[in-house]
Amino acid sequence: MSRVRTRPTRDDTREKLFEAAARVFEEQGIGGASIEAIAAAASFTRGAFYSNFKSKDELIIAMLEDHVEQSIGRIRDLLHRHKNLADFIDALKTMDRSQQDPLGRSPLLHMEMILFVARAEKRRPELAKRLRARRKLVTDIIETTARNAGRTTILNPTWAGALVLALEDGFRLHRLIDPETTSPDSFFRAIGDLQRAMGISSA
């Protein structure tokens, strides 16, 4: 009886290309990485690459989009399971990041890819769309946890969401540049300080 050969699904192929691209980008740099090298690292042909992406730029945009979608999904799941702000933050601190997508596991590569895309002005709207999705997520967290606690927010939730996200991105960058003076919990410490300063400490 002949063995049934199963072809990888489109999602499987894209995931393997994402993982391979991350390795090649880290080894050769984003600008220096070729489509041939990415395809070879994923054990695919050049044709297999082009059946999924028109260009390296399109691959990069797809990787950024996948990262944002996965991150938002994980965090919304935590918010669904932890209604209290303190419980939600504790769950966020202890979330297993080892199973994340390549950009979730490598903040430096994530930052490099954002800057690579941002250099092309026509691509910036793609980044803006994902930034707005992240802002909305943080705004929803603020509104949901305040509502669950029976509180009204002191700041406009949308503005507060932008502030919190800017803090997170800023401390992530500082941690990459100067890990000796930027502790891993800097962002969460800053959030706690803000809560206490605004009189809404969840402790």
Protein backbone atom coordinates (compact mmCIF):
# COMPACT_ATOMS: atom_id res chain seq x y z
CA MET A 1 0.00 0.00 0.00
CA SER A 2 1.49 3.31 -1.02
CA ARG A 3 2.10 5.97 1.60
CA VAL A 4 -0.05 9.05 1.48
CA ARG A 5 2.12 12.14 1.10
CA THR A 6 0.77 15.25 2.73
CA ARG A 7 1.73 18.66 1.44
CA PRO A 8 2.42 21.42 3.99
CA THR A 9 -0.40 23.91 4.33
CA ARG A 10 0.05 27.53 3.32
CA ASP A 11 0.18 28.49 7.01
CA ASP A 12 2.88 25.88 7.67
CA THR A 13 4.94 27.16 4.76
CA ARG A 14 4.63 30.78 5.88
CA GLU A 15 5.58 29.88 9.45
CA LYS A 16 8.71 28.06 8.25
CA LEU A 17 9.63 31.01 6.05
CA PHE A 18 9.16 33.39 9.01
CA GLU A 19 11.44 31.28 11.19
CA ALA A 20 14.04 30.92 8.43
CA ALA A 21 13.94 34.63 7.57
CA ALA A 22 14.51 35.55 11.22
CA ARG A 23 17.62 33.34 11.34
CA VAL A 24 18.98 34.70 8.06
CA PHE A 25 18.25 38.32 9.03
CA GLU A 26 20.11 37.89 12.32
CA GLU A 27 23.09 36.24 10.59
CA GLN A 28 23.35 38.37 7.43
CA GLY A 29 21.41 41.53 8.23
CA ILE A 30 18.05 42.44 6.75
CA GLY A 31 19.48 44.37 3.84
CA GLY A 32 22.03 41.69 2.96
CA ALA A 33 19.69 38.71 3.18
CA SER A 34 18.61 37.30 -0.17
CA ILE A 35 15.38 35.54 -1.03
CA GLU A 36 17.45 32.52 -2.10
CA ALA A 37 19.11 32.34 1.33
CA ILE A 38 15.76 32.60 3.13
CA ALA A 39 14.18 29.90 0.97
CA ALA A 40 17.19 27.60 1.41
CA ALA A 41 17.16 28.09 5.19
CA ALA A 42 13.51 26.96 5.18
CA SER A 43 14.36 24.00 2.88
CA PHE A 44 12.15 25.46 0.16
CA THR A 45 12.74 26.43 -3.44
CA ARG A 46 12.80 30.01 -4.67
CA GLY A 47 9.48 29.26 -6.34
CA ALA A 48 7.94 28.25 -3.03
CA PHE A 49 8.94 31.63 -1.62
CA TYR A 50 7.35 33.51 -4.50
CA SER A 51 4.16 31.47 -4.23
CA ASN A 52 3.70 33.06 -0.80
CA PHE A 53 5.35 36.49 -1.08
CA LYS A 54 6.04 38.83 -3.97
CA SER A 55 9.19 40.27 -2.40
CA LYS A 56 11.35 40.38 0.70
CA ASP A 57 9.55 43.57 1.75
CA GLU A 58 6.21 41.77 1.59
CA LEU A 59 7.65 38.96 3.75
CA ILE A 60 8.82 41.48 6.33
CA ILE A 61 5.42 43.20 6.46
CA ALA A 62 3.76 39.80 6.89
CA MET A 63 6.13 38.91 9.74
CA LEU A 64 5.35 42.18 11.52
CA GLU A 65 1.63 41.65 11.00
CA ASP A 66 1.81 38.10 12.31
CA HIS A 67 3.73 39.27 15.36
CA VAL A 68 1.15 41.93 16.23
CA GLU A 69 -1.77 39.55 15.68
CA GLN A 70 -0.24 36.85 17.85
CA SER A 71 0.70 39.32 20.60
CA ILE A 72 -2.78 40.85 20.67
CA GLY A 73 -4.39 37.41 20.75
CA ARG A 74 -2.29 36.25 23.71
CA ILE A 75 -2.87 39.41 25.69
CA ARG A 76 -6.63 39.45 25.03
CA ASP A 77 -6.75 35.86 26.24
CA LEU A 78 -4.99 36.93 29.46
CA LEU A 79 -7.43 39.82 29.87
CA HIS A 80 -10.37 37.45 29.45
CA ARG A 81 -9.02 35.18 32.20
CA HIS A 82 -7.82 37.92 34.59
CA LYS A 83 -10.40 40.64 35.14
CA ASN A 84 -8.55 42.33 38.00
CA LEU A 85 -5.74 44.70 36.96
CA ALA A 86 -3.25 43.35 39.50
CA ASP A 87 -3.94 39.75 38.45
CA PHE A 88 -3.67 40.70 34.77
CA ILE A 89 -0.30 42.41 35.27
CA ASP A 90 1.02 39.45 37.29
CA ALA A 91 -0.06 37.09 34.48
CA LEU A 92 1.58 39.35 31.92
CA LYS A 93 4.85 39.30 33.88
CA THR A 94 4.97 35.51 34.04
CA MET A 95 3.71 34.80 30.50
CA ASP A 96 5.78 32.14 28.74
CA ARG A 97 7.56 33.90 25.90
CA SER A 98 9.56 30.90 24.70
CA GLN A 99 6.76 29.80 22.35
CA GLN A 100 6.29 33.21 20.74
CA ASP A 101 6.86 34.02 17.08
CA PRO A 102 10.45 34.91 16.03
CA LEU A 103 9.96 38.64 16.62
CA GLY A 104 8.50 38.04 20.06
CA ARG A 105 11.60 36.06 20.96
CA SER A 106 14.00 38.64 19.50
CA PRO A 107 13.09 42.25 20.39
CA LEU A 108 16.23 43.53 18.66
CA LEU A 109 15.28 41.94 15.34
CA HIS A 110 11.75 43.27 15.76
CA MET A 111 13.10 46.79 16.21
CA GLU A 112 15.46 46.41 13.23
CA MET A 113 12.62 45.29 11.00
CA ILE A 114 10.42 48.21 12.02
CA LEU A 115 13.21 50.65 11.18
CA PHE A 116 13.92 48.85 7.89
CA VAL A 117 10.29 49.28 6.82
CA ALA A 118 10.06 52.85 8.15
CA ARG A 119 12.89 53.97 5.86
CA ALA A 120 10.50 53.60 2.92
CA GLU A 121 7.88 56.32 3.33
CA LYS A 122 5.31 54.44 1.26
CA ARG A 123 5.50 51.55 3.74
CA ARG A 124 4.94 53.63 6.86
CA PRO A 125 1.13 53.34 6.72
CA GLU A 126 1.61 49.58 7.20
CA LEU A 127 3.48 50.27 10.44
CA ALA A 128 0.92 52.89 11.49
CA LYS A 129 -1.91 50.37 11.12
CA ARG A 130 -0.21 47.96 13.48
CA LEU A 131 0.73 50.70 15.94
CA ARG A 132 -2.92 51.75 16.11
CA ALA A 133 -3.97 48.15 16.74
CA ARG A 134 -1.54 47.96 19.67
CA ARG A 135 -2.78 51.28 21.04
CA LYS A 136 -6.37 50.06 20.85
CA LEU A 137 -5.41 46.92 22.74
CA VAL A 138 -3.88 48.92 25.61
CA THR A 139 -6.88 51.28 25.61
CA ASP A 140 -9.23 48.28 25.87
CA ILE A 141 -7.18 46.90 28.77
CA ILE A 142 -7.42 50.21 30.63
CA GLU A 143 -11.15 50.53 30.03
CA THR A 144 -11.93 46.88 30.86
CA THR A 145 -9.93 46.72 34.09
CA ALA A 146 -11.30 50.09 35.25
CA ARG A 147 -14.85 48.97 34.52
CA ASN A 148 -14.30 45.66 36.34
CA ALA A 149 -13.03 47.58 39.39
CA GLY A 150 -15.95 50.01 39.30
CA ARG A 151 -13.66 52.97 38.61
CA THR A 152 -13.67 55.76 36.10
CA THR A 153 -10.39 56.53 34.40
CA ILE A 154 -8.67 59.80 35.32
CA LEU A 155 -7.06 60.20 31.92
CA ASN A 156 -8.72 59.78 28.55
CA PRO A 157 -8.32 56.01 27.94
CA THR A 158 -7.05 56.49 24.39
CA TRP A 159 -4.37 58.93 25.54
CA ALA A 160 -3.51 56.74 28.50
CA GLY A 161 -3.11 53.81 26.11
CA ALA A 162 -0.70 55.81 23.97
CA LEU A 163 1.33 56.76 27.07
CA VAL A 164 1.56 53.17 28.31
CA LEU A 165 2.58 51.86 24.90
CA ALA A 166 5.24 54.56 24.54
CA LEU A 167 6.61 53.53 27.94
CA GLU A 168 6.74 49.88 26.92
CA ASP A 169 8.48 50.58 23.62
CA GLY A 170 10.87 53.03 25.26
CA PHE A 171 11.94 50.68 28.02
CA ARG A 172 12.33 47.83 25.52
CA LEU A 173 14.73 49.98 23.52
CA HIS A 174 16.59 51.11 26.65
CA ARG A 175 16.90 47.48 27.75
CA LEU A 176 18.46 46.55 24.41
CA ILE A 177 20.93 49.46 24.54
CA ASP A 178 21.80 49.50 28.23
CA PRO A 179 20.74 46.32 30.05
CA GLU A 180 23.06 47.10 32.99
CA THR A 181 20.98 50.07 34.13
CA THR A 182 17.60 49.04 32.68
CA SER A 183 16.19 46.13 34.62
CA PRO A 184 13.86 43.62 32.93
CA ASP A 185 10.94 44.82 35.08
CA SER A 186 11.44 48.56 34.36
CA PHE A 187 8.21 48.85 32.39
CA PHE A 188 6.11 47.18 35.09
CA ARG A 189 7.77 49.29 37.80
CA ALA A 190 6.89 52.41 35.80
CA ILE A 191 3.28 51.27 35.48
CA GLY A 192 3.10 50.69 39.23
CA ASP A 193 4.55 54.14 39.92
CA LEU A 194 2.01 55.73 37.58
CA GLN A 195 -0.85 53.89 39.26
CA ARG A 196 0.24 55.09 42.70
CA ALA A 197 0.82 58.67 41.49
CA MET A 198 -2.69 58.71 40.03
CA GLY A 199 -4.20 57.15 43.14
CA ILE A 200 -5.34 53.97 41.36
CA SER A 201 -2.85 51.47 42.71
CA SER A 202 -4.15 47.94 42.34
CA ALA A 203 -1.98 46.70 45.20
